[in-house]
């Protein structure tokens, strides 16, 4: 999975678009509010992409809600995008970045 994420993120560089990741543990080991909140407050974001690993897990609905609400709280001007796979992360973000320019 890490290689797939790296390959997907490389597309941002190919297109001259900055990107940062904020991976949270789906096993409950992370303080999601602190980890994600700090990342979202680091600087303004044009778009935040939420990955399928979180969205496609029926037992992670509450975590997905928490993530979406933290994005709305700490990055209210950012578009929210959803990728289908790690390889489509750039495509998901680009849909919204291009729309906003």
PDB file of N, CA and C in Angstrom:
ATOM      1  N   UNK A   1       0.824  -1.195   0.000  1.00  0.00           N
ATOM      2  CA  UNK A   1       0.000   0.000   0.000  1.00  0.00           C
ATOM      3  C   UNK A   1       0.867   1.258   0.000  1.00  0.00           C
ATOM      4  N   UNK A   2       1.977   1.247   0.734  1.00  0.00           N
ATOM      5  CA  UNK A   2       2.844   2.423   0.802  1.00  0.00           C
ATOM      6  C   UNK A   2       3.391   2.784  -0.583  1.00  0.00           C
ATOM      7  N   UNK A   3       3.738   1.773  -1.383  1.00  0.00           N
ATOM      8  CA  UNK A   3       4.252   2.045  -2.727  1.00  0.00           C
ATOM      9  C   UNK A   3       3.162   2.637  -3.614  1.00  0.00           C
ATOM     10  N   UNK A   4       1.942   2.174  -3.462  1.00  0.00           N
ATOM     11  CA  UNK A   4       0.832   2.708  -4.247  1.00  0.00           C
ATOM     12  C   UNK A   4       0.576   4.166  -3.883  1.00  0.00           C
ATOM     13  N   UNK A   5       0.658   4.482  -2.601  1.00  0.00           N
ATOM     14  CA  UNK A   5       0.476   5.869  -2.158  1.00  0.00           C
ATOM     15  C   UNK A   5       1.590   6.745  -2.719  1.00  0.00           C
ATOM     16  N   UNK A   6       2.830   6.277  -2.625  1.00  0.00           N
ATOM     17  CA  UNK A   6       3.969   7.031  -3.167  1.00  0.00           C
ATOM     18  C   UNK A   6       3.800   7.295  -4.663  1.00  0.00           C
ATOM     19  N   UNK A   7       3.384   6.288  -5.400  1.00  0.00           N
ATOM     20  CA  UNK A   7       3.202   6.442  -6.848  1.00  0.00           C
ATOM     21  C   UNK A   7       2.099   7.462  -7.135  1.00  0.00           C
ATOM     22  N   UNK A   8       1.027   7.402  -6.386  1.00  0.00           N
ATOM     23  CA  UNK A   8      -0.060   8.364  -6.569  1.00  0.00           C
ATOM     24  C   UNK A   8       0.382   9.782  -6.256  1.00  0.00           C
ATOM     25  N   UNK A   9       1.187   9.952  -5.214  1.00  0.00           N
ATOM     26  CA  UNK A   9       1.662  11.281  -4.835  1.00  0.00           C
ATOM     27  C   UNK A   9       2.670  11.832  -5.833  1.00  0.00           C
ATOM     28  N   UNK A  10       3.398  10.959  -6.516  1.00  0.00           N
ATOM     29  CA  UNK A  10       4.374  11.399  -7.517  1.00  0.00           C
ATOM     30  C   UNK A  10       3.692  12.170  -8.642  1.00  0.00           C
ATOM     31  N   UNK A  11       2.441  11.890  -8.903  1.00  0.00           N
ATOM     32  CA  UNK A  11       1.711  12.598  -9.964  1.00  0.00           C
ATOM     33  C   UNK A  11       1.561  14.078  -9.633  1.00  0.00           C
ATOM     34  N   UNK A  12       1.490  14.426  -8.348  1.00  0.00           N
ATOM     35  CA  UNK A  12       1.407  15.835  -7.967  1.00  0.00           C
ATOM     36  C   UNK A  12       2.687  16.550  -8.413  1.00  0.00           C
ATOM     37  N   UNK A  13       3.829  15.933  -8.145  1.00  0.00           N
ATOM     38  CA  UNK A  13       5.110  16.508  -8.538  1.00  0.00           C
ATOM     39  C   UNK A  13       5.183  16.651 -10.051  1.00  0.00           C
ATOM     40  N   UNK A  14       4.730  15.641 -10.772  1.00  0.00           N
ATOM     41  CA  UNK A  14       4.728  15.690 -12.240  1.00  0.00           C
ATOM     42  C   UNK A  14       3.946  16.892 -12.762  1.00  0.00           C
ATOM     43  N   UNK A  15       2.906  17.288 -12.027  1.00  0.00           N
ATOM     44  CA  UNK A  15       2.044  18.394 -12.443  1.00  0.00           C
ATOM     45  C   UNK A  15       2.401  19.705 -11.745  1.00  0.00           C
ATOM     46  N   UNK A  16       3.473  19.703 -10.952  1.00  0.00           N
ATOM     47  CA  UNK A  16       3.902  20.921 -10.275  1.00  0.00           C
ATOM     48  C   UNK A  16       2.970  21.378  -9.172  1.00  0.00           C
ATOM     49  N   UNK A  17       2.294  20.437  -8.548  1.00  0.00           N
ATOM     50  CA  UNK A  17       1.345  20.748  -7.480  1.00  0.00           C
ATOM     51  C   UNK A  17       1.915  20.227  -6.171  1.00  0.00           C
ATOM     52  N   UNK A  18       1.949  21.076  -5.153  1.00  0.00           N
ATOM     53  CA  UNK A  18       2.426  20.649  -3.840  1.00  0.00           C
ATOM     54  C   UNK A  18       1.454  19.679  -3.200  1.00  0.00           C
ATOM     55  N   UNK A  19       1.993  18.788  -2.388  1.00  0.00           N
ATOM     56  CA  UNK A  19       1.162  17.795  -1.713  1.00  0.00           C
ATOM     57  C   UNK A  19       1.809  17.412  -0.392  1.00  0.00           C
ATOM     58  N   UNK A  20       0.994  17.144   0.572  1.00  0.00           N
ATOM     59  CA  UNK A  20       1.438  16.593   1.857  1.00  0.00           C
ATOM     60  C   UNK A  20       0.463  15.498   2.251  1.00  0.00           C
ATOM     61  N   UNK A  21       0.956  14.534   2.991  1.00  0.00           N
ATOM     62  CA  UNK A  21       0.076  13.463   3.460  1.00  0.00           C
ATOM     63  C   UNK A  21      -0.097  13.555   4.964  1.00  0.00           C
ATOM     64  N   UNK A  22      -1.206  13.045   5.402  1.00  0.00           N
ATOM     65  CA  UNK A  22      -1.481  12.932   6.832  1.00  0.00           C
ATOM     66  C   UNK A  22      -2.214  11.608   7.011  1.00  0.00           C
ATOM     67  N   UNK A  23      -1.447  10.565   7.190  1.00  0.00           N
ATOM     68  CA  UNK A  23      -2.037   9.241   7.350  1.00  0.00           C
ATOM     69  C   UNK A  23      -2.361   9.017   8.819  1.00  0.00           C
ATOM     70  N   UNK A  24      -3.574   8.556   9.065  1.00  0.00           N
ATOM     71  CA  UNK A  24      -3.971   8.253  10.437  1.00  0.00           C
ATOM     72  C   UNK A  24      -4.226   6.764  10.543  1.00  0.00           C
ATOM     73  N   UNK A  25      -3.972   6.229  11.712  1.00  0.00           N
ATOM     74  CA  UNK A  25      -4.172   4.802  11.927  1.00  0.00           C
ATOM     75  C   UNK A  25      -5.640   4.461  12.048  1.00  0.00           C
ATOM     76  N   UNK A  26      -6.086   3.512  11.259  1.00  0.00           N
ATOM     77  CA  UNK A  26      -7.478   3.078  11.339  1.00  0.00           C
ATOM     78  C   UNK A  26      -7.703   2.140  12.517  1.00  0.00           C
ATOM     79  N   UNK A  27      -6.608   1.805  13.215  1.00  0.00           N
ATOM     80  CA  UNK A  27      -6.718   0.888  14.338  1.00  0.00           C
ATOM     81  C   UNK A  27      -6.990   1.611  15.658  1.00  0.00           C
ATOM     82  N   UNK A  28      -7.207   2.928  15.602  1.00  0.00           N
ATOM     83  CA  UNK A  28      -7.494   3.682  16.810  1.00  0.00           C
ATOM     84  C   UNK A  28      -6.274   4.095  17.597  1.00  0.00           C
ATOM     85  N   UNK A  29      -5.082   3.867  17.032  1.00  0.00           N
ATOM     86  CA  UNK A  29      -3.858   4.156  17.777  1.00  0.00           C
ATOM     87  C   UNK A  29      -3.480   5.635  17.768  1.00  0.00           C
ATOM     88  N   UNK A  30      -4.030   6.407  16.855  1.00  0.00           N
ATOM     89  CA  UNK A  30      -3.688   7.823  16.759  1.00  0.00           C
ATOM     90  C   UNK A  30      -4.713   8.686  17.484  1.00  0.00           C
ATOM     91  N   UNK A  31      -4.251   9.826  17.985  1.00  0.00           N
ATOM     92  CA  UNK A  31      -5.150  10.866  18.465  1.00  0.00           C
ATOM     93  C   UNK A  31      -5.551  11.645  17.220  1.00  0.00           C
ATOM     94  N   UNK A  32      -6.604  11.211  16.575  1.00  0.00           N
ATOM     95  CA  UNK A  32      -6.999  11.742  15.274  1.00  0.00           C
ATOM     96  C   UNK A  32      -7.199  13.248  15.335  1.00  0.00           C
ATOM     97  N   UNK A  33      -7.849  13.727  16.374  1.00  0.00           N
ATOM     98  CA  UNK A  33      -8.106  15.163  16.469  1.00  0.00           C
ATOM     99  C   UNK A  33      -6.801  15.953  16.512  1.00  0.00           C
ATOM    100  N   UNK A  34      -5.824  15.475  17.264  1.00  0.00           N
ATOM    101  CA  UNK A  34      -4.537  16.177  17.359  1.00  0.00           C
ATOM    102  C   UNK A  34      -3.737  16.054  16.060  1.00  0.00           C
ATOM    103  N   UNK A  35      -3.603  14.844  15.536  1.00  0.00           N
ATOM    104  CA  UNK A  35      -2.791  14.614  14.337  1.00  0.00           C
ATOM    105  C   UNK A  35      -3.372  15.359  13.138  1.00  0.00           C
ATOM    106  N   UNK A  36      -4.640  15.167  12.885  1.00  0.00           N
ATOM    107  CA  UNK A  36      -5.269  15.791  11.723  1.00  0.00           C
ATOM    108  C   UNK A  36      -5.450  17.295  11.935  1.00  0.00           C
ATOM    109  N   UNK A  37      -5.840  17.687  13.129  1.00  0.00           N
ATOM    110  CA  UNK A  37      -5.990  19.112  13.424  1.00  0.00           C
ATOM    111  C   UNK A  37      -4.697  19.875  13.211  1.00  0.00           C
ATOM    112  N   UNK A  38      -3.587  19.337  13.690  1.00  0.00           N
ATOM    113  CA  UNK A  38      -2.286  19.993  13.491  1.00  0.00           C
ATOM    114  C   UNK A  38      -1.937  20.101  12.013  1.00  0.00           C
ATOM    115  N   UNK A  39      -2.182  19.049  11.266  1.00  0.00           N
ATOM    116  CA  UNK A  39      -1.874  19.064   9.831  1.00  0.00           C
ATOM    117  C   UNK A  39      -2.745  20.085   9.099  1.00  0.00           C
ATOM    118  N   UNK A  40      -4.007  20.143   9.451  1.00  0.00           N
ATOM    119  CA  UNK A  40      -4.921  21.057   8.764  1.00  0.00           C
ATOM    120  C   UNK A  40      -4.652  22.517   9.110  1.00  0.00           C
ATOM    121  N   UNK A  41      -4.164  22.762  10.317  1.00  0.00           N
ATOM    122  CA  UNK A  41      -3.865  24.139  10.732  1.00  0.00           C
ATOM    123  C   UNK A  41      -2.488  24.606  10.262  1.00  0.00           C
ATOM    124  N   UNK A  42      -1.687  23.717   9.700  1.00  0.00           N
ATOM    125  CA  UNK A  42      -0.316  24.042   9.315  1.00  0.00           C
ATOM    126  C   UNK A  42      -0.257  25.178   8.293  1.00  0.00           C
ATOM    127  N   UNK A  43      -1.194  25.220   7.372  1.00  0.00           N
ATOM    128  CA  UNK A  43      -1.288  26.297   6.384  1.00  0.00           C
ATOM    129  C   UNK A  43      -2.603  26.157   5.627  1.00  0.00           C
ATOM    130  N   UNK A  44      -2.967  27.145   4.836  1.00  0.00           N
ATOM    131  CA  UNK A  44      -4.218  27.043   4.064  1.00  0.00           C
ATOM    132  C   UNK A  44      -4.138  25.909   3.029  1.00  0.00           C
ATOM    133  N   UNK A  45      -5.260  25.267   2.813  1.00  0.00           N
ATOM    134  CA  UNK A  45      -5.338  24.160   1.855  1.00  0.00           C
ATOM    135  C   UNK A  45      -6.337  24.487   0.766  1.00  0.00           C
ATOM    136  N   UNK A  46      -6.003  24.142  -0.470  1.00  0.00           N
ATOM    137  CA  UNK A  46      -6.968  24.271  -1.563  1.00  0.00           C
ATOM    138  C   UNK A  46      -7.923  23.082  -1.571  1.00  0.00           C
ATOM    139  N   UNK A  47      -7.372  21.915  -1.255  1.00  0.00           N
ATOM    140  CA  UNK A  47      -8.153  20.690  -1.328  1.00  0.00           C
ATOM    141  C   UNK A  47      -7.599  19.674  -0.333  1.00  0.00           C
ATOM    142  N   UNK A  48      -8.490  18.940   0.302  1.00  0.00           N
ATOM    143  CA  UNK A  48      -8.109  17.837   1.180  1.00  0.00           C
ATOM    144  C   UNK A  48      -8.775  16.588   0.621  1.00  0.00           C
ATOM    145  N   UNK A  49      -7.974  15.565   0.353  1.00  0.00           N
ATOM    146  CA  UNK A  49      -8.502  14.318  -0.199  1.00  0.00           C
ATOM    147  C   UNK A  49      -8.596  13.272   0.899  1.00  0.00           C
ATOM    148  N   UNK A  50      -9.751  12.648   0.995  1.00  0.00           N
ATOM    149  CA  UNK A  50      -9.986  11.584   1.971  1.00  0.00           C
ATOM    150  C   UNK A  50      -9.920  10.262   1.214  1.00  0.00           C
ATOM    151  N   UNK A  51      -9.056   9.385   1.665  1.00  0.00           N
ATOM    152  CA  UNK A  51      -8.813   8.130   0.962  1.00  0.00           C
ATOM    153  C   UNK A  51      -9.875   7.070   1.164  1.00  0.00           C
ATOM    154  N   UNK A  52      -9.894   6.151   0.232  1.00  0.00           N
ATOM    155  CA  UNK A  52     -10.867   5.070   0.239  1.00  0.00           C
ATOM    156  C   UNK A  52     -10.722   4.100   1.388  1.00  0.00           C
ATOM    157  N   UNK A  53      -9.510   3.971   1.937  1.00  0.00           N
ATOM    158  CA  UNK A  53      -9.321   3.063   3.069  1.00  0.00           C
ATOM    159  C   UNK A  53     -10.214   3.434   4.234  1.00  0.00           C
ATOM    160  N   UNK A  54     -10.457   4.693   4.383  1.00  0.00           N
ATOM    161  CA  UNK A  54     -11.339   5.177   5.436  1.00  0.00           C
ATOM    162  C   UNK A  54     -12.794   5.140   4.983  1.00  0.00           C
ATOM    163  N   UNK A  55     -13.049   5.543   3.765  1.00  0.00           N
ATOM    164  CA  UNK A  55     -14.422   5.667   3.285  1.00  0.00           C
ATOM    165  C   UNK A  55     -15.103   4.331   3.026  1.00  0.00           C
ATOM    166  N   UNK A  56     -14.333   3.321   2.660  1.00  0.00           N
ATOM    167  CA  UNK A  56     -14.941   2.052   2.263  1.00  0.00           C
ATOM    168  C   UNK A  56     -15.030   1.035   3.399  1.00  0.00           C
ATOM    169  N   UNK A  57     -14.783   1.490   4.596  1.00  0.00           N
ATOM    170  CA  UNK A  57     -14.819   0.587   5.738  1.00  0.00           C
ATOM    171  C   UNK A  57     -16.066   0.864   6.569  1.00  0.00           C
ATOM    172  N   UNK A  58     -17.008  -0.062   6.551  1.00  0.00           N
ATOM    173  CA  UNK A  58     -18.268   0.129   7.274  1.00  0.00           C
ATOM    174  C   UNK A  58     -18.069   0.337   8.770  1.00  0.00           C
ATOM    175  N   UNK A  59     -17.015  -0.240   9.330  1.00  0.00           N
ATOM    176  CA  UNK A  59     -16.797  -0.100  10.763  1.00  0.00           C
ATOM    177  C   UNK A  59     -16.034   1.181  11.123  1.00  0.00           C
ATOM    178  N   UNK A  60     -15.773   2.041  10.130  1.00  0.00           N
ATOM    179  CA  UNK A  60     -15.054   3.299  10.379  1.00  0.00           C
ATOM    180  C   UNK A  60     -15.927   4.527  10.124  1.00  0.00           C
ATOM    181  N   UNK A  61     -17.247   4.363  10.131  1.00  0.00           N
ATOM    182  CA  UNK A  61     -18.151   5.473   9.830  1.00  0.00           C
ATOM    183  C   UNK A  61     -17.944   6.632  10.799  1.00  0.00           C
ATOM    184  N   UNK A  62     -17.818   6.347  12.079  1.00  0.00           N
ATOM    185  CA  UNK A  62     -17.630   7.424  13.056  1.00  0.00           C
ATOM    186  C   UNK A  62     -16.298   8.144  12.830  1.00  0.00           C
ATOM    187  N   UNK A  63     -15.257   7.412  12.470  1.00  0.00           N
ATOM    188  CA  UNK A  63     -13.970   8.032  12.173  1.00  0.00           C
ATOM    189  C   UNK A  63     -14.078   8.907  10.923  1.00  0.00           C
ATOM    190  N   UNK A  64     -14.771   8.433   9.901  1.00  0.00           N
ATOM    191  CA  UNK A  64     -14.980   9.230   8.696  1.00  0.00           C
ATOM    192  C   UNK A  64     -15.708  10.527   9.036  1.00  0.00           C
ATOM    193  N   UNK A  65     -16.745  10.440   9.844  1.00  0.00           N
ATOM    194  CA  UNK A  65     -17.464  11.650  10.275  1.00  0.00           C
ATOM    195  C   UNK A  65     -16.524  12.614  10.991  1.00  0.00           C
ATOM    196  N   UNK A  66     -15.696  12.082  11.872  1.00  0.00           N
ATOM    197  CA  UNK A  66     -14.754  12.912  12.617  1.00  0.00           C
ATOM    198  C   UNK A  66     -13.792  13.610  11.662  1.00  0.00           C
ATOM    199  N   UNK A  67     -13.261  12.881  10.697  1.00  0.00           N
ATOM    200  CA  UNK A  67     -12.313  13.445   9.736  1.00  0.00           C
ATOM    201  C   UNK A  67     -12.976  14.558   8.925  1.00  0.00           C
ATOM    202  N   UNK A  68     -14.154  14.311   8.391  1.00  0.00           N
ATOM    203  CA  UNK A  68     -14.849  15.320   7.586  1.00  0.00           C
ATOM    204  C   UNK A  68     -15.127  16.563   8.427  1.00  0.00           C
ATOM    205  N   UNK A  69     -15.573  16.395   9.643  1.00  0.00           N
ATOM    206  CA  UNK A  69     -15.869  17.549  10.488  1.00  0.00           C
ATOM    207  C   UNK A  69     -14.608  18.296  10.903  1.00  0.00           C
ATOM    208  N   UNK A  70     -13.495  17.604  11.093  1.00  0.00           N
ATOM    209  CA  UNK A  70     -12.230  18.285  11.382  1.00  0.00           C
ATOM    210  C   UNK A  70     -11.758  19.094  10.171  1.00  0.00           C
ATOM    211  N   UNK A  71     -11.956  18.555   8.981  1.00  0.00           N
ATOM    212  CA  UNK A  71     -11.615  19.305   7.769  1.00  0.00           C
ATOM    213  C   UNK A  71     -12.462  20.571   7.702  1.00  0.00           C
ATOM    214  N   UNK A  72     -13.745  20.437   7.922  1.00  0.00           N
ATOM    215  CA  UNK A  72     -14.634  21.612   7.877  1.00  0.00           C
ATOM    216  C   UNK A  72     -14.258  22.637   8.933  1.00  0.00           C
ATOM    217  N   UNK A  73     -13.813  22.186  10.095  1.00  0.00           N
ATOM    218  CA  UNK A  73     -13.462  23.085  11.193  1.00  0.00           C
ATOM    219  C   UNK A  73     -12.131  23.799  10.940  1.00  0.00           C
ATOM    220  N   UNK A  74     -11.118  23.043  10.553  1.00  0.00           N
ATOM    221  CA  UNK A  74      -9.760  23.586  10.470  1.00  0.00           C
ATOM    222  C   UNK A  74      -9.331  24.025   9.068  1.00  0.00           C
ATOM    223  N   UNK A  75     -10.069  23.625   8.048  1.00  0.00           N
ATOM    224  CA  UNK A  75      -9.755  24.027   6.671  1.00  0.00           C
ATOM    225  C   UNK A  75     -11.057  24.349   5.939  1.00  0.00           C
ATOM    226  N   UNK A  76     -11.803  25.317   6.463  1.00  0.00           N
ATOM    227  CA  UNK A  76     -13.146  25.576   5.921  1.00  0.00           C
ATOM    228  C   UNK A  76     -13.173  26.028   4.465  1.00  0.00           C
ATOM    229  N   UNK A  77     -12.076  26.552   3.965  1.00  0.00           N
ATOM    230  CA  UNK A  77     -12.047  27.004   2.572  1.00  0.00           C
ATOM    231  C   UNK A  77     -11.576  25.924   1.608  1.00  0.00           C
ATOM    232  N   UNK A  78     -11.162  24.792   2.129  1.00  0.00           N
ATOM    233  CA  UNK A  78     -10.647  23.713   1.277  1.00  0.00           C
ATOM    234  C   UNK A  78     -11.791  22.906   0.673  1.00  0.00           C
ATOM    235  N   UNK A  79     -11.612  22.533  -0.572  1.00  0.00           N
ATOM    236  CA  UNK A  79     -12.508  21.556  -1.186  1.00  0.00           C
ATOM    237  C   UNK A  79     -12.195  20.199  -0.562  1.00  0.00           C
ATOM    238  N   UNK A  80     -13.163  19.310  -0.546  1.00  0.00           N
ATOM    239  CA  UNK A  80     -12.960  17.948  -0.058  1.00  0.00           C
ATOM    240  C   UNK A  80     -13.142  17.016  -1.248  1.00  0.00           C
ATOM    241  N   UNK A  81     -12.143  16.184  -1.490  1.00  0.00           N
ATOM    242  CA  UNK A  81     -12.181  15.256  -2.619  1.00  0.00           C
ATOM    243  C   UNK A  81     -12.057  13.824  -2.106  1.00  0.00           C
ATOM    244  N   UNK A  82     -12.504  12.887  -2.923  1.00  0.00           N
ATOM    245  CA  UNK A  82     -12.431  11.471  -2.604  1.00  0.00           C
ATOM    246  C   UNK A  82     -11.762  10.735  -3.767  1.00  0.00           C
ATOM    247  N   UNK A  83     -10.696  10.006  -3.455  1.00  0.00           N
ATOM    248  CA  UNK A  83     -10.045   9.210  -4.502  1.00  0.00           C
ATOM    249  C   UNK A  83     -10.662   7.817  -4.535  1.00  0.00           C
ATOM    250  N   UNK A  84     -10.468   7.134  -5.658  1.00  0.00           N
ATOM    251  CA  UNK A  84     -10.944   5.754  -5.773  1.00  0.00           C
ATOM    252  C   UNK A  84      -9.868   4.783  -5.317  1.00  0.00           C
ATOM    253  N   UNK A  85      -8.617   5.123  -5.637  1.00  0.00           N
ATOM    254  CA  UNK A  85      -7.454   4.324  -5.262  1.00  0.00           C
ATOM    255  C   UNK A  85      -6.309   5.297  -5.013  1.00  0.00           C
ATOM    256  N   UNK A  86      -5.213   4.857  -4.406  1.00  0.00           N
ATOM    257  CA  UNK A  86      -4.071   5.754  -4.240  1.00  0.00           C
ATOM    258  C   UNK A  86      -3.587   6.342  -5.571  1.00  0.00           C
ATOM    259  N   UNK A  87      -3.732   5.607  -6.650  1.00  0.00           N
ATOM    260  CA  UNK A  87      -3.290   6.084  -7.958  1.00  0.00           C
ATOM    261  C   UNK A  87      -4.125   7.249  -8.468  1.00  0.00           C
ATOM    262  N   UNK A  88      -5.345   7.419  -7.961  1.00  0.00           N
ATOM    263  CA  UNK A  88      -6.230   8.494  -8.444  1.00  0.00           C
ATOM    264  C   UNK A  88      -6.289   9.692  -7.492  1.00  0.00           C
ATOM    265  N   UNK A  89      -5.363   9.760  -6.550  1.00  0.00           N
ATOM    266  CA  UNK A  89      -5.379  10.862  -5.591  1.00  0.00           C
ATOM    267  C   UNK A  89      -5.194  12.204  -6.294  1.00  0.00           C
ATOM    268  N   UNK A  90      -4.253  12.290  -7.227  1.00  0.00           N
ATOM    269  CA  UNK A  90      -4.063  13.548  -7.951  1.00  0.00           C
ATOM    270  C   UNK A  90      -5.327  13.905  -8.729  1.00  0.00           C
ATOM    271  N   UNK A  91      -5.905  12.950  -9.423  1.00  0.00           N
ATOM    272  CA  UNK A  91      -7.104  13.223 -10.221  1.00  0.00           C
ATOM    273  C   UNK A  91      -8.237  13.757  -9.348  1.00  0.00           C
ATOM    274  N   UNK A  92      -8.406  13.179  -8.179  1.00  0.00           N
ATOM    275  CA  UNK A  92      -9.466  13.624  -7.268  1.00  0.00           C
ATOM    276  C   UNK A  92      -9.234  15.065  -6.840  1.00  0.00           C
ATOM    277  N   UNK A  93      -8.019  15.378  -6.430  1.00  0.00           N
ATOM    278  CA  UNK A  93      -7.705  16.741  -5.991  1.00  0.00           C
ATOM    279  C   UNK A  93      -7.788  17.720  -7.157  1.00  0.00           C
ATOM    280  N   UNK A  94      -7.282  17.321  -8.315  1.00  0.00           N
ATOM    281  CA  UNK A  94      -7.250  18.214  -9.484  1.00  0.00           C
ATOM    282  C   UNK A  94      -8.645  18.631  -9.919  1.00  0.00           C
ATOM    283  N   UNK A  95      -9.626  17.750  -9.769  1.00  0.00           N
ATOM    284  CA  UNK A  95     -11.004  18.110 -10.133  1.00  0.00           C
ATOM    285  C   UNK A  95     -11.432  19.381  -9.411  1.00  0.00           C
ATOM    286  N   UNK A  96     -11.047  19.483  -8.149  1.00  0.00           N
ATOM    287  CA  UNK A  96     -11.485  20.619  -7.329  1.00  0.00           C
ATOM    288  C   UNK A  96     -10.521  21.784  -7.386  1.00  0.00           C
ATOM    289  N   UNK A  97      -9.235  21.511  -7.489  1.00  0.00           N
ATOM    290  CA  UNK A  97      -8.257  22.612  -7.581  1.00  0.00           C
ATOM    291  C   UNK A  97      -8.494  23.398  -8.873  1.00  0.00           C
ATOM    292  N   UNK A  98      -8.687  22.702  -9.975  1.00  0.00           N
ATOM    293  CA  UNK A  98      -8.919  23.360 -11.260  1.00  0.00           C
ATOM    294  C   UNK A  98     -10.224  24.142 -11.250  1.00  0.00           C
ATOM    295  N   UNK A  99     -11.240  23.625 -10.605  1.00  0.00           N
ATOM    296  CA  UNK A  99     -12.537  24.274 -10.536  1.00  0.00           C
ATOM    297  C   UNK A  99     -12.477  25.596  -9.775  1.00  0.00           C
ATOM    298  N   UNK A 100     -11.575  25.663  -8.808  1.00  0.00           N
ATOM    299  CA  UNK A 100     -11.483  26.833  -7.944  1.00  0.00           C
ATOM    300  C   UNK A 100     -10.554  27.904  -8.494  1.00  0.00           C
ATOM    301  N   UNK A 101      -9.847  27.612  -9.554  1.00  0.00           N
ATOM    302  CA  UNK A 101      -8.890  28.601 -10.102  1.00  0.00           C
ATOM    303  C   UNK A 101      -9.504  29.402 -11.198  1.00  0.00           C
TER     304      UNK A 101
END
